[in-house]
Full PDB file with SEQRES, HELIX, SHEET, SSBOND, CRYST1, ORIGX, SCALE, CONECT and MASTER records, all heavy atoms in Angstrom:
SEQRES   1 A   39  ILE GLY LEU PHE ARG GLN GLY ALA LYS ALA PRO LEU ALA          
SEQRES   2 A   39  TRP ARG THR ALA MET LEU VAL ALA ILE PRO GLN SER PRO          
SEQRES   3 A   39  GLU VAL ARG ARG PRO ASP ARG SER ALA ASP ALA ALA HIS          
HELIX    1 AA1 ALA A   13  ALA A   21  1                                   9    
HELIX    2 AA2 ILE A   22  GLN A   24  5                                   3    
HELIX    3 AA3 ALA A   35  ALA A   38  1                                   4    
CRYST1    1.000    1.000    1.000  90.00  90.00  90.00 P 1           1          
ORIGX1      1.000000  0.000000  0.000000        0.00000                         
ORIGX2      0.000000  1.000000  0.000000        0.00000                         
ORIGX3      0.000000  0.000000  1.000000        0.00000                         
SCALE1      1.000000  0.000000  0.000000        0.00000                         
SCALE2      0.000000  1.000000  0.000000        0.00000                         
SCALE3      0.000000  0.000000  1.000000        0.00000                         
ATOM      1  N   ILE A   1     -42.019  82.055 -51.029  1.00  0.00           N  
ATOM      2  CA  ILE A   1     -41.310  82.159 -49.750  1.00  0.00           C  
ATOM      3  C   ILE A   1     -42.016  83.146 -48.825  1.00  0.00           C  
ATOM      4  O   ILE A   1     -42.243  82.856 -47.650  1.00  0.00           O  
ATOM      5  CB  ILE A   1     -39.837  82.566 -49.981  1.00  0.00           C  
ATOM      6  CG1 ILE A   1     -39.084  81.430 -50.677  1.00  0.00           C  
ATOM      7  CG2 ILE A   1     -39.160  82.936 -48.667  1.00  0.00           C  
ATOM      8  CD1 ILE A   1     -37.721  81.812 -51.208  1.00  0.00           C  
ATOM      9  N   GLY A   2     -42.380  84.301 -49.364  1.00  0.00           N  
ATOM     10  CA  GLY A   2     -43.003  85.339 -48.544  1.00  0.00           C  
ATOM     11  C   GLY A   2     -44.391  84.984 -48.044  1.00  0.00           C  
ATOM     12  O   GLY A   2     -44.749  85.317 -46.914  1.00  0.00           O  
ATOM     13  N   LEU A   3     -45.176  84.312 -48.867  1.00  0.00           N  
ATOM     14  CA  LEU A   3     -46.552  84.008 -48.493  1.00  0.00           C  
ATOM     15  C   LEU A   3     -46.725  82.646 -47.832  1.00  0.00           C  
ATOM     16  O   LEU A   3     -47.579  82.472 -46.963  1.00  0.00           O  
ATOM     17  CB  LEU A   3     -47.461  84.086 -49.723  1.00  0.00           C  
ATOM     18  CG  LEU A   3     -47.545  85.455 -50.400  1.00  0.00           C  
ATOM     19  CD1 LEU A   3     -48.321  85.357 -51.700  1.00  0.00           C  
ATOM     20  CD2 LEU A   3     -48.182  86.478 -49.460  1.00  0.00           C  
ATOM     21  N   PHE A   4     -45.934  81.667 -48.265  1.00  0.00           N  
ATOM     22  CA  PHE A   4     -46.116  80.297 -47.770  1.00  0.00           C  
ATOM     23  C   PHE A   4     -44.926  79.764 -46.986  1.00  0.00           C  
ATOM     24  O   PHE A   4     -44.926  78.635 -46.537  1.00  0.00           O  
ATOM     25  CB  PHE A   4     -46.404  79.357 -48.947  1.00  0.00           C  
ATOM     26  CG  PHE A   4     -47.536  79.806 -49.814  1.00  0.00           C  
ATOM     27  CD1 PHE A   4     -47.355  79.979 -51.171  1.00  0.00           C  
ATOM     28  CD2 PHE A   4     -48.782  80.076 -49.278  1.00  0.00           C  
ATOM     29  CE1 PHE A   4     -48.393  80.400 -51.984  1.00  0.00           C  
ATOM     30  CE2 PHE A   4     -49.829  80.498 -50.083  1.00  0.00           C  
ATOM     31  CZ  PHE A   4     -49.631  80.655 -51.435  1.00  0.00           C  
ATOM     32  N   ARG A   5     -43.881  80.587 -46.864  1.00  0.00           N  
ATOM     33  CA  ARG A   5     -42.670  80.205 -46.124  1.00  0.00           C  
ATOM     34  C   ARG A   5     -41.993  78.966 -46.697  1.00  0.00           C  
ATOM     35  O   ARG A   5     -41.439  78.158 -45.984  1.00  0.00           O  
ATOM     36  CB  ARG A   5     -42.956  79.985 -44.634  1.00  0.00           C  
ATOM     37  CG  ARG A   5     -43.648  81.138 -43.954  1.00  0.00           C  
ATOM     38  CD  ARG A   5     -42.696  82.312 -43.811  1.00  0.00           C  
ATOM     39  NE  ARG A   5     -43.337  83.391 -43.074  1.00  0.00           N  
ATOM     40  CZ  ARG A   5     -43.616  84.576 -43.599  1.00  0.00           C  
ATOM     41  NH1 ARG A   5     -43.325  84.829 -44.839  1.00  0.00           N  
ATOM     42  NH2 ARG A   5     -44.187  85.512 -42.894  1.00  0.00           N  
ATOM     43  N   GLN A   6     -42.081  78.827 -48.017  1.00  0.00           N  
ATOM     44  CA  GLN A   6     -41.379  77.731 -48.680  1.00  0.00           C  
ATOM     45  C   GLN A   6     -41.052  78.144 -50.098  1.00  0.00           C  
ATOM     46  O   GLN A   6     -41.695  79.030 -50.643  1.00  0.00           O  
ATOM     47  CB  GLN A   6     -42.198  76.459 -48.682  1.00  0.00           C  
ATOM     48  CG  GLN A   6     -43.400  76.478 -49.604  1.00  0.00           C  
ATOM     49  CD  GLN A   6     -44.036  75.113 -49.719  1.00  0.00           C  
ATOM     50  OE1 GLN A   6     -44.089  74.390 -48.746  1.00  0.00           O  
ATOM     51  NE2 GLN A   6     -44.507  74.780 -50.879  1.00  0.00           N  
ATOM     52  N   GLY A   7     -40.069  77.492 -50.682  1.00  0.00           N  
ATOM     53  CA  GLY A   7     -39.695  77.800 -52.052  1.00  0.00           C  
ATOM     54  C   GLY A   7     -40.764  77.344 -53.027  1.00  0.00           C  
ATOM     55  O   GLY A   7     -41.739  76.697 -52.657  1.00  0.00           O  
ATOM     56  N   ALA A   8     -40.564  77.662 -54.297  1.00  0.00           N  
ATOM     57  CA  ALA A   8     -41.564  77.365 -55.321  1.00  0.00           C  
ATOM     58  C   ALA A   8     -41.411  75.968 -55.911  1.00  0.00           C  
ATOM     59  O   ALA A   8     -42.146  75.596 -56.792  1.00  0.00           O  
ATOM     60  CB  ALA A   8     -41.473  78.402 -56.430  1.00  0.00           C  
ATOM     61  N   LYS A   9     -40.497  75.189 -55.428  1.00  0.00           N  
ATOM     62  CA  LYS A   9     -40.309  73.852 -55.982  1.00  0.00           C  
ATOM     63  C   LYS A   9     -41.435  72.936 -55.538  1.00  0.00           C  
ATOM     64  O   LYS A   9     -41.691  72.764 -54.349  1.00  0.00           O  
ATOM     65  CB  LYS A   9     -38.967  73.272 -55.537  1.00  0.00           C  
ATOM     66  CG  LYS A   9     -37.807  74.089 -56.021  1.00  0.00           C  
ATOM     67  CD  LYS A   9     -36.713  73.218 -56.500  1.00  0.00           C  
ATOM     68  CE  LYS A   9     -35.560  74.108 -56.869  1.00  0.00           C  
ATOM     69  NZ  LYS A   9     -34.982  73.885 -58.087  1.00  0.00           N  
ATOM     70  N   ALA A  10     -42.125  72.372 -56.496  1.00  0.00           N  
ATOM     71  CA  ALA A  10     -43.208  71.405 -56.287  1.00  0.00           C  
ATOM     72  C   ALA A  10     -44.214  71.828 -55.218  1.00  0.00           C  
ATOM     73  O   ALA A  10     -44.471  71.095 -54.273  1.00  0.00           O  
ATOM     74  CB  ALA A  10     -42.621  70.034 -55.953  1.00  0.00           C  
ATOM     75  N   PRO A  11     -44.816  73.011 -55.358  1.00  0.00           N  
ATOM     76  CA  PRO A  11     -45.822  73.403 -54.381  1.00  0.00           C  
ATOM     77  C   PRO A  11     -47.100  72.599 -54.564  1.00  0.00           C  
ATOM     78  O   PRO A  11     -47.333  72.007 -55.609  1.00  0.00           O  
ATOM     79  CB  PRO A  11     -46.067  74.884 -54.694  1.00  0.00           C  
ATOM     80  CG  PRO A  11     -45.700  75.025 -56.129  1.00  0.00           C  
ATOM     81  CD  PRO A  11     -44.607  74.022 -56.382  1.00  0.00           C  
ATOM     82  N   LEU A  12     -47.910  72.559 -53.531  1.00  0.00           N  
ATOM     83  CA  LEU A  12     -49.193  71.879 -53.603  1.00  0.00           C  
ATOM     84  C   LEU A  12     -50.087  72.572 -54.624  1.00  0.00           C  
ATOM     85  O   LEU A  12     -49.898  73.745 -54.936  1.00  0.00           O  
ATOM     86  CB  LEU A  12     -49.868  71.905 -52.232  1.00  0.00           C  
ATOM     87  CG  LEU A  12     -49.096  71.230 -51.094  1.00  0.00           C  
ATOM     88  CD1 LEU A  12     -49.788  71.491 -49.768  1.00  0.00           C  
ATOM     89  CD2 LEU A  12     -48.973  69.733 -51.352  1.00  0.00           C  
ATOM     90  N   ALA A  13     -51.100  71.849 -55.113  1.00  0.00           N  
ATOM     91  CA  ALA A  13     -51.983  72.385 -56.150  1.00  0.00           C  
ATOM     92  C   ALA A  13     -52.657  73.680 -55.706  1.00  0.00           C  
ATOM     93  O   ALA A  13     -52.745  74.637 -56.473  1.00  0.00           O  
ATOM     94  CB  ALA A  13     -53.027  71.350 -56.548  1.00  0.00           C  
ATOM     95  N   TRP A  14     -53.120  73.757 -54.459  1.00  0.00           N  
ATOM     96  CA  TRP A  14     -53.809  74.972 -54.007  1.00  0.00           C  
ATOM     97  C   TRP A  14     -52.852  76.153 -53.941  1.00  0.00           C  
ATOM     98  O   TRP A  14     -53.223  77.280 -54.242  1.00  0.00           O  
ATOM     99  CB  TRP A  14     -54.542  74.760 -52.682  1.00  0.00           C  
ATOM    100  CG  TRP A  14     -53.674  74.615 -51.473  1.00  0.00           C  
ATOM    101  CD1 TRP A  14     -53.208  73.456 -50.929  1.00  0.00           C  
ATOM    102  CD2 TRP A  14     -53.171  75.674 -50.647  1.00  0.00           C  
ATOM    103  NE1 TRP A  14     -52.445  73.728 -49.827  1.00  0.00           N  
ATOM    104  CE2 TRP A  14     -52.402  75.086 -49.621  1.00  0.00           C  
ATOM    105  CE3 TRP A  14     -53.298  77.053 -50.675  1.00  0.00           C  
ATOM    106  CZ2 TRP A  14     -51.764  75.823 -48.636  1.00  0.00           C  
ATOM    107  CZ3 TRP A  14     -52.649  77.799 -49.689  1.00  0.00           C  
ATOM    108  CH2 TRP A  14     -51.897  77.183 -48.686  1.00  0.00           C  
ATOM    109  N   ARG A  15     -51.585  75.902 -53.589  1.00  0.00           N  
ATOM    110  CA  ARG A  15     -50.604  76.990 -53.566  1.00  0.00           C  
ATOM    111  C   ARG A  15     -50.277  77.454 -54.980  1.00  0.00           C  
ATOM    112  O   ARG A  15     -50.144  78.651 -55.240  1.00  0.00           O  
ATOM    113  CB  ARG A  15     -49.331  76.556 -52.851  1.00  0.00           C  
ATOM    114  CG  ARG A  15     -49.507  76.447 -51.359  1.00  0.00           C  
ATOM    115  CD  ARG A  15     -48.173  76.200 -50.668  1.00  0.00           C  
ATOM    116  NE  ARG A  15     -48.384  76.032 -49.255  1.00  0.00           N  
ATOM    117  CZ  ARG A  15     -47.888  75.040 -48.532  1.00  0.00           C  
ATOM    118  NH1 ARG A  15     -47.134  74.124 -49.091  1.00  0.00           N  
ATOM    119  NH2 ARG A  15     -48.128  74.962 -47.242  1.00  0.00           N  
ATOM    120  N   THR A  16     -50.145  76.497 -55.891  1.00  0.00           N  
ATOM    121  CA  THR A  16     -49.885  76.839 -57.287  1.00  0.00           C  
ATOM    122  C   THR A  16     -51.026  77.686 -57.833  1.00  0.00           C  
ATOM    123  O   THR A  16     -50.800  78.698 -58.489  1.00  0.00           O  
ATOM    124  CB  THR A  16     -49.720  75.565 -58.129  1.00  0.00           C  
ATOM    125  OG1 THR A  16     -48.641  74.791 -57.595  1.00  0.00           O  
ATOM    126  CG2 THR A  16     -49.430  75.898 -59.580  1.00  0.00           C  
ATOM    127  N   ALA A  17     -52.261  77.273 -57.561  1.00  0.00           N  
ATOM    128  CA  ALA A  17     -53.427  78.036 -58.021  1.00  0.00           C  
ATOM    129  C   ALA A  17     -53.430  79.442 -57.424  1.00  0.00           C  
ATOM    130  O   ALA A  17     -53.771  80.421 -58.093  1.00  0.00           O  
ATOM    131  CB  ALA A  17     -54.709  77.298 -57.674  1.00  0.00           C  
ATOM    132  N   MET A  18     -53.043  79.561 -56.173  1.00  0.00           N  
ATOM    133  CA  MET A  18     -52.970  80.877 -55.530  1.00  0.00           C  
ATOM    134  C   MET A  18     -51.912  81.742 -56.213  1.00  0.00           C  
ATOM    135  O   MET A  18     -52.140  82.925 -56.478  1.00  0.00           O  
ATOM    136  CB  MET A  18     -52.643  80.712 -54.043  1.00  0.00           C  
ATOM    137  CG  MET A  18     -52.685  81.988 -53.259  1.00  0.00           C  
ATOM    138  SD  MET A  18     -54.352  82.521 -52.856  1.00  0.00           S  
ATOM    139  CE  MET A  18     -54.783  81.364 -51.579  1.00  0.00           C  
ATOM    140  N   LEU A  19     -50.755  81.147 -56.538  1.00  0.00           N  
ATOM    141  CA  LEU A  19     -49.684  81.895 -57.203  1.00  0.00           C  
ATOM    142  C   LEU A  19     -50.085  82.319 -58.615  1.00  0.00           C  
ATOM    143  O   LEU A  19     -49.592  83.329 -59.126  1.00  0.00           O  
ATOM    144  CB  LEU A  19     -48.399  81.061 -57.231  1.00  0.00           C  
ATOM    145  CG  LEU A  19     -47.748  80.826 -55.865  1.00  0.00           C  
ATOM    146  CD1 LEU A  19     -46.630  79.804 -55.974  1.00  0.00           C  
ATOM    147  CD2 LEU A  19     -47.246  82.129 -55.258  1.00  0.00           C  
ATOM    148  N   VAL A  20     -50.989  81.577 -59.241  1.00  0.00           N  
ATOM    149  CA  VAL A  20     -51.511  81.965 -60.552  1.00  0.00           C  
ATOM    150  C   VAL A  20     -52.493  83.123 -60.413  1.00  0.00           C  
ATOM    151  O   VAL A  20     -52.510  84.045 -61.219  1.00  0.00           O  
ATOM    152  CB  VAL A  20     -52.197  80.756 -61.235  1.00  0.00           C  
ATOM    153  CG1 VAL A  20     -53.010  81.177 -62.445  1.00  0.00           C  
ATOM    154  CG2 VAL A  20     -51.164  79.713 -61.629  1.00  0.00           C  
ATOM    155  N   ALA A  21     -53.318  83.086 -59.385  1.00  0.00           N  
ATOM    156  CA  ALA A  21     -54.408  84.058 -59.229  1.00  0.00           C  
ATOM    157  C   ALA A  21     -53.947  85.434 -58.737  1.00  0.00           C  
ATOM    158  O   ALA A  21     -54.497  86.449 -59.146  1.00  0.00           O  
ATOM    159  CB  ALA A  21     -55.459  83.504 -58.269  1.00  0.00           C  
ATOM    160  N   ILE A  22     -52.971  85.481 -57.875  1.00  0.00           N  
ATOM    161  CA  ILE A  22     -52.602  86.739 -57.220  1.00  0.00           C  
ATOM    162  C   ILE A  22     -52.149  87.835 -58.184  1.00  0.00           C  
ATOM    163  O   ILE A  22     -52.593  88.973 -58.049  1.00  0.00           O  
ATOM    164  CB  ILE A  22     -51.542  86.498 -56.120  1.00  0.00           C  
ATOM    165  CG1 ILE A  22     -52.161  85.697 -54.978  1.00  0.00           C  
ATOM    166  CG2 ILE A  22     -50.990  87.825 -55.597  1.00  0.00           C  
ATOM    167  CD1 ILE A  22     -51.161  85.254 -53.928  1.00  0.00           C  
ATOM    168  N   PRO A  23     -51.287  87.570 -59.195  1.00  0.00           N  
ATOM    169  CA  PRO A  23     -50.803  88.671 -60.033  1.00  0.00           C  
ATOM    170  C   PRO A  23     -51.893  89.422 -60.797  1.00  0.00           C  
ATOM    171  O   PRO A  23     -51.682  90.551 -61.218  1.00  0.00           O  
ATOM    172  CB  PRO A  23     -49.847  87.988 -61.014  1.00  0.00           C  
ATOM    173  CG  PRO A  23     -49.388  86.776 -60.308  1.00  0.00           C  
ATOM    174  CD  PRO A  23     -50.577  86.330 -59.498  1.00  0.00           C  
ATOM    175  N   GLN A  24     -53.057  88.827 -60.971  1.00  0.00           N  
ATOM    176  CA  GLN A  24     -54.136  89.518 -61.673  1.00  0.00           C  
ATOM    177  C   GLN A  24     -54.626  90.732 -60.882  1.00  0.00           C  
ATOM    178  O   GLN A  24     -55.138  91.685 -61.452  1.00  0.00           O  
ATOM    179  CB  GLN A  24     -55.280  88.555 -61.950  1.00  0.00           C  
ATOM    180  CG  GLN A  24     -54.869  87.440 -62.887  1.00  0.00           C  
ATOM    181  CD  GLN A  24     -55.895  86.323 -62.939  1.00  0.00           C  
ATOM    182  OE1 GLN A  24     -56.934  86.388 -62.297  1.00  0.00           O  
ATOM    183  NE2 GLN A  24     -55.585  85.301 -63.699  1.00  0.00           N  
ATOM    184  N   SER A  25     -54.487  90.689 -59.578  1.00  0.00           N  
ATOM    185  CA  SER A  25     -54.868  91.808 -58.714  1.00  0.00           C  
ATOM    186  C   SER A  25     -54.111  91.656 -57.395  1.00  0.00           C  
ATOM    187  O   SER A  25     -54.674  91.270 -56.371  1.00  0.00           O  
ATOM    188  CB  SER A  25     -56.386  91.790 -58.484  1.00  0.00           C  
ATOM    189  OG  SER A  25     -56.782  92.939 -57.820  1.00  0.00           O  
ATOM    190  N   PRO A  26     -52.805  91.923 -57.411  1.00  0.00           N  
ATOM    191  CA  PRO A  26     -51.941  91.571 -56.289  1.00  0.00           C  
ATOM    192  C   PRO A  26     -52.316  92.162 -54.933  1.00  0.00           C  
ATOM    193  O   PRO A  26     -52.250  91.459 -53.925  1.00  0.00           O  
ATOM    194  CB  PRO A  26     -50.559  92.040 -56.712  1.00  0.00           C  
ATOM    195  CG  PRO A  26     -50.671  92.651 -58.032  1.00  0.00           C  
ATOM    196  CD  PRO A  26     -52.073  92.540 -58.499  1.00  0.00           C  
ATOM    197  N   GLU A  27     -52.688  93.405 -54.883  1.00  0.00           N  
ATOM    198  CA  GLU A  27     -52.992  94.009 -53.582  1.00  0.00           C  
ATOM    199  C   GLU A  27     -54.319  93.518 -53.017  1.00  0.00           C  
ATOM    200  O   GLU A  27     -54.491  93.419 -51.813  1.00  0.00           O  
ATOM    201  CB  GLU A  27     -52.969  95.532 -53.673  1.00  0.00           C  
ATOM    202  CG  GLU A  27     -51.579  96.110 -53.848  1.00  0.00           C  
ATOM    203  CD  GLU A  27     -50.608  95.751 -52.721  1.00  0.00           C  
ATOM    204  OE1 GLU A  27     -51.033  95.661 -51.546  1.00  0.00           O  
ATOM    205  OE2 GLU A  27     -49.421  95.561 -53.020  1.00  0.00           O  
ATOM    206  N   VAL A  28     -55.260  93.203 -53.899  1.00  0.00           N  
ATOM    207  CA  VAL A  28     -56.579  92.757 -53.456  1.00  0.00           C  
ATOM    208  C   VAL A  28     -56.572  91.281 -53.070  1.00  0.00           C  
ATOM    209  O   VAL A  28     -57.315  90.862 -52.178  1.00  0.00           O  
ATOM    210  CB  VAL A  28     -57.623  93.003 -54.578  1.00  0.00           C  
ATOM    211  CG1 VAL A  28     -58.971  92.409 -54.227  1.00  0.00           C  
ATOM    212  CG2 VAL A  28     -57.754  94.485 -54.839  1.00  0.00           C  
ATOM    213  N   ARG A  29     -55.726  90.477 -53.709  1.00  0.00           N  
ATOM    214  CA  ARG A  29     -55.771  89.025 -53.532  1.00  0.00           C  
ATOM    215  C   ARG A  29     -54.666  88.452 -52.651  1.00  0.00           C  
ATOM    216  O   ARG A  29     -54.495  87.237 -52.608  1.00  0.00           O  
ATOM    217  CB  ARG A  29     -55.708  88.358 -54.905  1.00  0.00           C  
ATOM    218  CG  ARG A  29     -56.930  88.652 -55.725  1.00  0.00           C  
ATOM    219  CD  ARG A  29     -56.857  87.990 -57.060  1.00  0.00           C  
ATOM    220  NE  ARG A  29     -58.081  88.203 -57.804  1.00  0.00           N  
ATOM    221  CZ  ARG A  29     -58.254  87.819 -59.045  1.00  0.00           C  
ATOM    222  NH1 ARG A  29     -57.285  87.214 -59.692  1.00  0.00           N  
ATOM    223  NH2 ARG A  29     -59.395  88.044 -59.648  1.00  0.00           N  
ATOM    224  N   ARG A  30     -53.938  89.287 -51.973  1.00  0.00           N  
ATOM    225  CA  ARG A  30     -52.884  88.758 -51.097  1.00  0.00           C  
ATOM    226  C   ARG A  30     -53.506  87.976 -49.945  1.00  0.00           C  
ATOM    227  O   ARG A  30     -54.323  88.512 -49.198  1.00  0.00           O  
ATOM    228  CB  ARG A  30     -52.027  89.889 -50.544  1.00  0.00           C  
ATOM    229  CG  ARG A  30     -50.998  90.361 -51.548  1.00  0.00           C  
ATOM    230  CD  ARG A  30     -50.058  91.331 -50.965  1.00  0.00           C  
ATOM    231  NE  ARG A  30     -49.339  90.781 -49.823  1.00  0.00           N  
ATOM    232  CZ  ARG A  30     -48.383  91.433 -49.191  1.00  0.00           C  
ATOM    233  NH1 ARG A  30     -48.039  92.621 -49.573  1.00  0.00           N  
ATOM    234  NH2 ARG A  30     -47.791  90.890 -48.164  1.00  0.00           N  
ATOM    235  N   PRO A  31     -53.142  86.710 -49.781  1.00  0.00           N  
ATOM    236  CA  PRO A  31     -53.770  85.898 -48.734  1.00  0.00           C  
ATOM    237  C   PRO A  31     -53.471  86.381 -47.316  1.00  0.00           C  
ATOM    238  O   PRO A  31     -54.264  86.148 -46.409  1.00  0.00           O  
ATOM    239  CB  PRO A  31     -53.203  84.494 -48.967  1.00  0.00           C  
ATOM    240  CG  PRO A  31     -52.034  84.666 -49.849  1.00  0.00           C  
ATOM    241  CD  PRO A  31     -52.199  85.951 -50.580  1.00  0.00           C  
ATOM    242  N   ASP A  32     -52.375  87.091 -47.132  1.00  0.00           N  
ATOM    243  CA  ASP A  32     -52.051  87.589 -45.798  1.00  0.00           C  
ATOM    244  C   ASP A  32     -52.840  88.845 -45.444  1.00  0.00           C  
ATOM    245  O   ASP A  32     -52.898  89.233 -44.282  1.00  0.00           O  
ATOM    246  CB  ASP A  32     -50.547  87.846 -45.658  1.00  0.00           C  
ATOM    247  CG  ASP A  32     -50.005  88.832 -46.680  1.00  0.00           C  
ATOM    248  OD1 ASP A  32     -50.629  88.995 -47.752  1.00  0.00           O  
ATOM    249  OD2 ASP A  32     -48.949  89.425 -46.428  1.00  0.00           O  
ATOM    250  N   ARG A  33     -53.478  89.468 -46.435  1.00  0.00           N  
ATOM    251  CA  ARG A  33     -54.253  90.679 -46.183  1.00  0.00           C  
ATOM    252  C   ARG A  33     -55.745  90.511 -46.450  1.00  0.00           C  
ATOM    253  O   ARG A  33     -56.558  91.191 -45.844  1.00  0.00           O  
ATOM    254  CB  ARG A  33     -53.729  91.822 -47.047  1.00  0.00           C  
ATOM    255  CG  ARG A  33     -52.331  92.221 -46.653  1.00  0.00           C  
ATOM    256  CD  ARG A  33     -51.920  93.466 -47.364  1.00  0.00           C  
ATOM    257  NE  ARG A  33     -50.560  93.815 -46.967  1.00  0.00           N  
ATOM    258  CZ  ARG A  33     -49.770  94.559 -47.684  1.00  0.00           C  
ATOM    259  NH1 ARG A  33     -50.181  95.066 -48.822  1.00  0.00           N  
ATOM    260  NH2 ARG A  33     -48.561  94.832 -47.262  1.00  0.00           N  
ATOM    261  N   SER A  34     -56.091  89.660 -47.382  1.00  0.00           N  
ATOM    262  CA  SER A  34     -57.492  89.458 -47.744  1.00  0.00           C  
ATOM    263  C   SER A  34     -57.698  87.987 -48.103  1.00  0.00           C  
ATOM    264  O   SER A  34     -57.790  87.622 -49.276  1.00  0.00           O  
ATOM    265  CB  SER A  34     -57.872  90.361 -48.917  1.00  0.00           C  
ATOM    266  OG  SER A  34     -59.219  90.190 -49.227  1.00  0.00           O  
ATOM    267  N   ALA A  35     -57.769  87.173 -47.079  1.00  0.00           N  
ATOM    268  CA  ALA A  35     -57.846  85.727 -47.275  1.00  0.00           C  
ATOM    269  C   ALA A  35     -59.059  85.320 -48.104  1.00  0.00           C  
ATOM    270  O   ALA A  35     -58.959  84.455 -48.976  1.00  0.00           O  
ATOM    271  CB  ALA A  35     -57.851  85.008 -45.934  1.00  0.00           C  
ATOM    272  N   ASP A  36     -60.204  85.926 -47.865  1.00  0.00           N  
ATOM    273  CA  ASP A  36     -61.415  85.550 -48.602  1.00  0.00           C  
ATOM    274  C   ASP A  36     -61.260  85.799 -50.100  1.00  0.00           C  
ATOM    275  O   ASP A  36     -61.580  84.932 -50.917  1.00  0.00           O  
ATOM    276  CB  ASP A  36     -62.639  86.305 -48.072  1.00  0.00           C  
ATOM    277  CG  ASP A  36     -63.078  85.821 -46.705  1.00  0.00           C  
ATOM    278  OD1 ASP A  36     -62.673  84.705 -46.307  1.00  0.00           O  
ATOM    279  OD2 ASP A  36     -63.820  86.561 -46.034  1.00  0.00           O  
ATOM    280  N   ALA A  37     -60.784  86.972 -50.475  1.00  0.00           N  
ATOM    281  CA  ALA A  37     -60.600  87.291 -51.891  1.00  0.00           C  
ATOM    282  C   ALA A  37     -59.559  86.364 -52.519  1.00  0.00           C  
ATOM    283  O   ALA A  37     -59.738  85.895 -53.649  1.00  0.00           O  
ATOM    284  CB  ALA A  37     -60.179  88.744 -52.067  1.00  0.00           C  
ATOM    285  N   ALA A  38     -58.496  86.079 -51.797  1.00  0.00           N  
ATOM    286  CA  ALA A  38     -57.456  85.187 -52.304  1.00  0.00           C  
ATOM    287  C   ALA A  38     -58.001  83.783 -52.511  1.00  0.00           C  
ATOM    288  O   ALA A  38     -57.742  83.151 -53.539  1.00  0.00           O  
ATOM    289  CB  ALA A  38     -56.272  85.162 -51.339  1.00  0.00           C  
ATOM    290  N   HIS A  39     -58.772  83.299 -51.558  1.00  0.00           N  
ATOM    291  CA  HIS A  39     -59.325  81.944 -51.669  1.00  0.00           C  
ATOM    292  C   HIS A  39     -60.350  81.838 -52.803  1.00  0.00           C  
ATOM    293  O   HIS A  39     -60.389  80.831 -53.511  1.00  0.00           O  
ATOM    294  CB  HIS A  39     -59.919  81.503 -50.340  1.00  0.00           C  
ATOM    295  CG  HIS A  39     -58.876  81.321 -49.282  1.00  0.00           C  
ATOM    296  ND1 HIS A  39     -59.153  81.399 -47.945  1.00  0.00           N  
ATOM    297  CD2 HIS A  39     -57.533  81.089 -49.364  1.00  0.00           C  
ATOM    298  CE1 HIS A  39     -58.042  81.212 -47.249  1.00  0.00           C  
ATOM    299  NE2 HIS A  39     -57.052  81.037 -48.102  1.00  0.00           N  
TER     300      HIS A  39                                                      
MASTER        0    0    0    3    0    0    0    6  299    1    0    3          
END                                                                             
């Protein structure tokens, strides 16, 4: 909701992959703050 403005029900594959990747380094990989690292 906070990052993509939608609930977690059936997100697109790229959003799911992003949600998997962010917790490994949350402050560095937040797409709203560091899009390149998140991508």
